[in-house]
Amino acid sequence: MAGDPYMHDPNLRERLGGVRIPVLVVWGDSDGIFTPGYGLAYAASFPNATFALVENAGHLPQLEQPAATMALIDRFAT
C-alpha cells in the first residue's frame, strides 16, 4: 500500500496495526532495494505477523525463487 504523493503514507503503520487476520511477510534475503530489516519492521507493524526470508532472492522472491516462496506460503496457509 502506498499513498500519494511519492508512494509515502505516514499513516500506513497505524492502519496496519488494525489488521486482525494473520499476515505472512515474505522478503528476499538479498533484496537490494529494501533490506530484510525493512521487512522485519513492516512485519512488526501487524499485530499477528510471521516474517519469512527467501534465500537467494532479491526484491522479487516470487519470481526469483518461486518454489521456495510458494513453500513458505503453503506452510503458512495450513
N, C-alpha and C. Protein backbone atom coordinates (compact mmCIF):
# COMPACT_ATOMS: atom_id res chain seq x y z
N MET A 1 0.85 -1.17 0.00
CA MET A 1 0.00 0.00 0.00
C MET A 1 0.90 1.23 0.00
N ALA A 2 0.60 2.12 -0.86
CA ALA A 2 1.38 3.35 -0.92
C ALA A 2 0.43 4.51 -1.10
N GLY A 3 0.78 5.60 -0.55
CA GLY A 3 -0.05 6.79 -0.65
C GLY A 3 0.54 7.80 -1.60
N ASP A 4 -0.18 8.87 -1.77
CA ASP A 4 0.28 9.97 -2.61
C ASP A 4 0.69 11.12 -1.72
N PRO A 5 1.62 11.91 -2.04
CA PRO A 5 2.47 11.76 -3.21
C PRO A 5 3.68 10.89 -2.92
N TYR A 6 4.33 10.46 -3.94
CA TYR A 6 5.64 9.81 -3.87
C TYR A 6 5.64 8.49 -3.12
N MET A 7 4.56 7.75 -3.17
CA MET A 7 4.46 6.44 -2.52
C MET A 7 4.83 6.50 -1.04
N HIS A 8 4.39 7.54 -0.37
CA HIS A 8 4.66 7.72 1.06
C HIS A 8 3.35 7.94 1.78
N ASP A 9 3.10 7.15 2.79
CA ASP A 9 1.87 7.30 3.57
C ASP A 9 2.24 7.28 5.05
N PRO A 10 2.29 8.43 5.69
CA PRO A 10 2.69 8.48 7.08
C PRO A 10 1.72 7.76 8.03
N ASN A 11 0.54 7.45 7.58
CA ASN A 11 -0.44 6.77 8.42
C ASN A 11 -0.50 5.26 8.19
N LEU A 12 0.35 4.76 7.32
CA LEU A 12 0.30 3.34 6.96
C LEU A 12 0.51 2.45 8.18
N ARG A 13 1.53 2.71 8.95
CA ARG A 13 1.84 1.84 10.09
C ARG A 13 0.65 1.74 11.05
N GLU A 14 -0.01 2.85 11.31
CA GLU A 14 -1.18 2.85 12.18
C GLU A 14 -2.31 1.98 11.60
N ARG A 15 -2.52 2.07 10.31
CA ARG A 15 -3.57 1.27 9.67
C ARG A 15 -3.22 -0.21 9.68
N LEU A 16 -1.95 -0.55 9.50
CA LEU A 16 -1.55 -1.96 9.52
C LEU A 16 -1.80 -2.57 10.90
N GLY A 17 -1.69 -1.78 11.94
CA GLY A 17 -1.96 -2.25 13.29
C GLY A 17 -3.41 -2.66 13.48
N GLY A 18 -4.28 -2.25 12.60
CA GLY A 18 -5.69 -2.62 12.68
C GLY A 18 -6.03 -3.92 11.97
N VAL A 19 -5.08 -4.52 11.29
CA VAL A 19 -5.33 -5.78 10.59
C VAL A 19 -5.43 -6.88 11.62
N ARG A 20 -6.52 -7.62 11.61
CA ARG A 20 -6.78 -8.62 12.64
C ARG A 20 -6.60 -10.06 12.18
N ILE A 21 -6.22 -10.27 10.95
CA ILE A 21 -6.00 -11.63 10.46
C ILE A 21 -4.50 -11.91 10.45
N PRO A 22 -4.11 -13.18 10.49
CA PRO A 22 -2.68 -13.49 10.40
C PRO A 22 -2.10 -13.03 9.06
N VAL A 23 -0.87 -12.54 9.11
CA VAL A 23 -0.21 -11.99 7.93
C VAL A 23 1.14 -12.67 7.76
N LEU A 24 1.47 -13.01 6.53
CA LEU A 24 2.80 -13.53 6.20
C LEU A 24 3.53 -12.46 5.40
N VAL A 25 4.67 -12.03 5.91
CA VAL A 25 5.51 -11.07 5.20
C VAL A 25 6.69 -11.85 4.65
N VAL A 26 6.78 -11.94 3.33
CA VAL A 26 7.83 -12.69 2.65
C VAL A 26 8.83 -11.69 2.08
N TRP A 27 10.13 -11.95 2.32
CA TRP A 27 11.17 -11.00 1.91
C TRP A 27 12.36 -11.75 1.34
N GLY A 28 12.96 -11.20 0.31
CA GLY A 28 14.18 -11.77 -0.24
C GLY A 28 15.38 -11.44 0.63
N ASP A 29 16.21 -12.42 0.92
CA ASP A 29 17.33 -12.19 1.83
C ASP A 29 18.40 -11.27 1.25
N SER A 30 18.41 -11.09 -0.06
CA SER A 30 19.40 -10.20 -0.67
C SER A 30 18.72 -9.09 -1.47
N ASP A 31 17.58 -8.61 -0.95
CA ASP A 31 16.87 -7.51 -1.58
C ASP A 31 17.78 -6.29 -1.60
N GLY A 32 18.08 -5.80 -2.79
CA GLY A 32 18.96 -4.65 -2.93
C GLY A 32 18.23 -3.32 -2.86
N ILE A 33 16.92 -3.36 -2.78
CA ILE A 33 16.14 -2.12 -2.69
C ILE A 33 15.76 -1.84 -1.24
N PHE A 34 15.21 -2.86 -0.58
CA PHE A 34 14.85 -2.75 0.83
C PHE A 34 15.43 -3.97 1.56
N THR A 35 16.31 -3.73 2.50
CA THR A 35 16.95 -4.82 3.22
C THR A 35 15.94 -5.59 4.07
N PRO A 36 16.29 -6.78 4.50
CA PRO A 36 15.39 -7.54 5.37
C PRO A 36 14.99 -6.78 6.64
N GLY A 37 15.79 -5.83 7.07
CA GLY A 37 15.40 -5.01 8.23
C GLY A 37 14.11 -4.26 7.99
N TYR A 38 13.91 -3.80 6.77
CA TYR A 38 12.64 -3.14 6.43
C TYR A 38 11.49 -4.14 6.54
N GLY A 39 11.72 -5.35 6.08
CA GLY A 39 10.69 -6.37 6.16
C GLY A 39 10.33 -6.70 7.59
N LEU A 40 11.34 -6.78 8.44
CA LEU A 40 11.07 -7.04 9.86
C LEU A 40 10.26 -5.92 10.48
N ALA A 41 10.59 -4.68 10.15
CA ALA A 41 9.84 -3.54 10.67
C ALA A 41 8.41 -3.55 10.14
N TYR A 42 8.26 -3.90 8.88
CA TYR A 42 6.93 -3.99 8.28
C TYR A 42 6.11 -5.06 8.98
N ALA A 43 6.70 -6.22 9.20
CA ALA A 43 6.00 -7.30 9.89
C ALA A 43 5.63 -6.90 11.31
N ALA A 44 6.50 -6.16 11.97
CA ALA A 44 6.22 -5.73 13.34
C ALA A 44 5.05 -4.75 13.42
N SER A 45 4.67 -4.18 12.29
CA SER A 45 3.54 -3.25 12.26
C SER A 45 2.19 -3.96 12.37
N PHE A 46 2.17 -5.24 12.07
CA PHE A 46 0.94 -6.03 12.16
C PHE A 46 0.87 -6.69 13.54
N PRO A 47 -0.31 -6.81 14.12
CA PRO A 47 -0.39 -7.46 15.43
C PRO A 47 -0.16 -8.97 15.39
N ASN A 48 -0.34 -9.60 14.25
CA ASN A 48 -0.20 -11.06 14.16
C ASN A 48 0.49 -11.42 12.85
N ALA A 49 1.79 -11.14 12.77
CA ALA A 49 2.53 -11.38 11.53
C ALA A 49 3.64 -12.41 11.72
N THR A 50 3.91 -13.12 10.65
CA THR A 50 5.05 -14.02 10.56
C THR A 50 5.96 -13.46 9.48
N PHE A 51 7.24 -13.37 9.78
CA PHE A 51 8.22 -12.88 8.82
C PHE A 51 9.01 -14.07 8.29
N ALA A 52 9.17 -14.14 6.97
CA ALA A 52 9.91 -15.25 6.36
C ALA A 52 10.85 -14.72 5.29
N LEU A 53 12.10 -15.16 5.37
CA LEU A 53 13.10 -14.80 4.37
C LEU A 53 13.20 -15.89 3.31
N VAL A 54 13.30 -15.48 2.07
CA VAL A 54 13.54 -16.40 0.96
C VAL A 54 15.02 -16.29 0.61
N GLU A 55 15.73 -17.39 0.74
CA GLU A 55 17.16 -17.39 0.45
C GLU A 55 17.41 -17.23 -1.05
N ASN A 56 18.52 -16.59 -1.36
CA ASN A 56 18.95 -16.37 -2.75
C ASN A 56 17.89 -15.65 -3.57
N ALA A 57 17.22 -14.71 -2.94
CA ALA A 57 16.21 -13.91 -3.64
C ALA A 57 16.42 -12.45 -3.31
N GLY A 58 16.10 -11.61 -4.28
CA GLY A 58 16.20 -10.18 -4.10
C GLY A 58 14.84 -9.56 -3.84
N HIS A 59 14.53 -8.53 -4.61
CA HIS A 59 13.30 -7.75 -4.40
C HIS A 59 12.04 -8.48 -4.87
N LEU A 60 12.19 -9.48 -5.70
CA LEU A 60 11.02 -10.20 -6.24
C LEU A 60 11.15 -11.70 -5.97
N PRO A 61 11.06 -12.12 -4.71
CA PRO A 61 11.26 -13.53 -4.39
C PRO A 61 10.26 -14.45 -5.09
N GLN A 62 9.06 -13.96 -5.35
CA GLN A 62 8.05 -14.79 -6.02
C GLN A 62 8.44 -15.10 -7.46
N LEU A 63 9.30 -14.28 -8.06
CA LEU A 63 9.79 -14.54 -9.41
C LEU A 63 11.16 -15.21 -9.40
N GLU A 64 11.99 -14.84 -8.44
CA GLU A 64 13.36 -15.33 -8.40
C GLU A 64 13.47 -16.73 -7.78
N GLN A 65 12.62 -17.01 -6.82
CA GLN A 65 12.62 -18.30 -6.14
C GLN A 65 11.17 -18.74 -5.92
N PRO A 66 10.43 -19.00 -7.01
CA PRO A 66 9.00 -19.29 -6.86
C PRO A 66 8.70 -20.52 -6.02
N ALA A 67 9.48 -21.58 -6.14
CA ALA A 67 9.20 -22.80 -5.36
C ALA A 67 9.39 -22.54 -3.87
N ALA A 68 10.46 -21.85 -3.51
CA ALA A 68 10.70 -21.54 -2.10
C ALA A 68 9.64 -20.60 -1.55
N THR A 69 9.25 -19.63 -2.35
CA THR A 69 8.21 -18.69 -1.92
C THR A 69 6.89 -19.41 -1.71
N MET A 70 6.51 -20.25 -2.65
CA MET A 70 5.25 -21.00 -2.51
C MET A 70 5.29 -21.95 -1.33
N ALA A 71 6.45 -22.55 -1.04
CA ALA A 71 6.57 -23.44 0.12
C ALA A 71 6.30 -22.67 1.40
N LEU A 72 6.80 -21.45 1.51
CA LEU A 72 6.54 -20.62 2.68
C LEU A 72 5.05 -20.30 2.81
N ILE A 73 4.44 -19.96 1.68
CA ILE A 73 3.01 -19.63 1.68
C ILE A 73 2.19 -20.87 2.04
N ASP A 74 2.55 -22.01 1.48
CA ASP A 74 1.83 -23.25 1.79
C ASP A 74 1.90 -23.57 3.28
N ARG A 75 3.10 -23.47 3.87
CA ARG A 75 3.25 -23.75 5.31
C ARG A 75 2.42 -22.78 6.14
N PHE A 76 2.41 -21.52 5.74
CA PHE A 76 1.67 -20.51 6.48
C PHE A 76 0.16 -20.75 6.40
N ALA A 77 -0.30 -21.17 5.23
CA ALA A 77 -1.73 -21.33 4.99
C ALA A 77 -2.31 -22.58 5.59
N THR A 78 -1.47 -23.54 5.98
CA THR A 78 -2.01 -24.80 6.52
C THR A 78 -1.92 -24.84 8.02
